[in-house]
């Protein structure tokens, strides 16, 4: 079951830090939204990392050579 927030291990893997002070600084520097409870525990929204699949083709159109200039 998906949860609204990353767990402690996921926050550690994401930031590379175990200390909440360093985690907060890293998250803030990258503009990753998070909340902090009264005890200073971080809550990082998992929805920030969920990719929305794209149904469109985002590849730029390949241009044909303009043979009229030859």
Protein backbone atom coordinates (compact mmCIF):
# COMPACT_ATOMS: atom_id res chain seq x y z
CA UNK A 1 0.00 0.00 0.00
CA UNK A 2 1.35 3.41 -0.94
CA UNK A 3 1.75 5.93 1.83
CA UNK A 4 1.58 9.70 1.72
CA UNK A 5 5.10 10.13 3.07
CA UNK A 6 8.50 8.53 2.57
CA UNK A 7 9.65 6.37 5.48
CA UNK A 8 12.84 7.10 7.43
CA UNK A 9 14.96 4.75 5.30
CA UNK A 10 13.73 6.34 2.08
CA UNK A 11 14.52 9.84 3.37
CA UNK A 12 18.01 8.62 4.29
CA UNK A 13 18.51 7.07 0.84
CA UNK A 14 17.23 10.23 -0.84
CA UNK A 15 19.31 12.71 1.15
CA UNK A 16 22.30 10.60 2.18
CA UNK A 17 21.97 12.00 5.71
CA UNK A 18 20.63 10.50 8.93
CA UNK A 19 20.49 13.75 10.93
CA UNK A 20 17.22 15.64 10.43
CA UNK A 21 19.01 19.01 10.37
CA UNK A 22 21.14 17.91 7.39
CA UNK A 23 18.17 16.23 5.71
CA UNK A 24 16.14 19.46 5.97
CA UNK A 25 18.96 21.53 4.51
CA UNK A 26 19.39 19.12 1.59
CA UNK A 27 15.65 18.97 0.85
CA UNK A 28 15.29 22.75 1.08
CA UNK A 29 18.27 23.30 -1.25
CA UNK A 30 16.55 21.13 -3.91
CA UNK A 31 13.09 22.65 -3.27
CA UNK A 32 11.63 19.27 -2.28
CA UNK A 33 8.51 19.90 -0.17
CA UNK A 34 8.44 18.48 3.36
CA UNK A 35 6.72 19.06 6.68
CA UNK A 36 8.17 18.88 10.15
CA UNK A 37 6.22 17.71 13.19
CA UNK A 38 6.51 19.15 16.71
CA UNK A 39 9.36 16.75 17.52
CA UNK A 40 11.36 17.74 14.45
CA UNK A 41 10.62 14.54 12.50
CA UNK A 42 10.49 15.07 8.74
CA UNK A 43 7.56 14.12 6.56
CA UNK A 44 8.51 14.10 2.88
CA UNK A 45 5.61 13.77 0.45
CA UNK A 46 5.92 10.63 -1.66
CA UNK A 47 3.63 12.19 -4.28
CA UNK A 48 6.49 14.55 -5.20
CA UNK A 49 8.34 11.55 -6.65
CA UNK A 50 5.50 9.82 -8.45
CA UNK A 51 5.89 10.22 -12.18
CA UNK A 52 2.85 10.93 -14.28
CA UNK A 53 3.03 8.82 -17.42
CA UNK A 54 2.92 10.82 -20.59
CA UNK A 55 0.66 9.77 -23.43
CA UNK A 56 2.12 12.22 -25.91
CA UNK A 57 5.24 11.79 -27.96
CA UNK A 58 7.63 14.43 -26.64
CA UNK A 59 10.31 13.78 -29.26
CA UNK A 60 11.03 16.78 -31.45
CA UNK A 61 9.94 16.37 -35.04
CA UNK A 62 12.79 15.46 -37.34
CA UNK A 63 13.23 17.99 -40.07
CA UNK A 64 13.47 16.94 -43.69
CA UNK A 65 16.23 18.53 -45.72
CA UNK A 66 15.03 21.39 -47.89
CA UNK A 67 15.92 20.12 -51.36
CA UNK A 68 14.60 23.37 -52.90
CA UNK A 69 17.88 25.07 -51.99
CA UNK A 70 19.93 22.65 -54.09
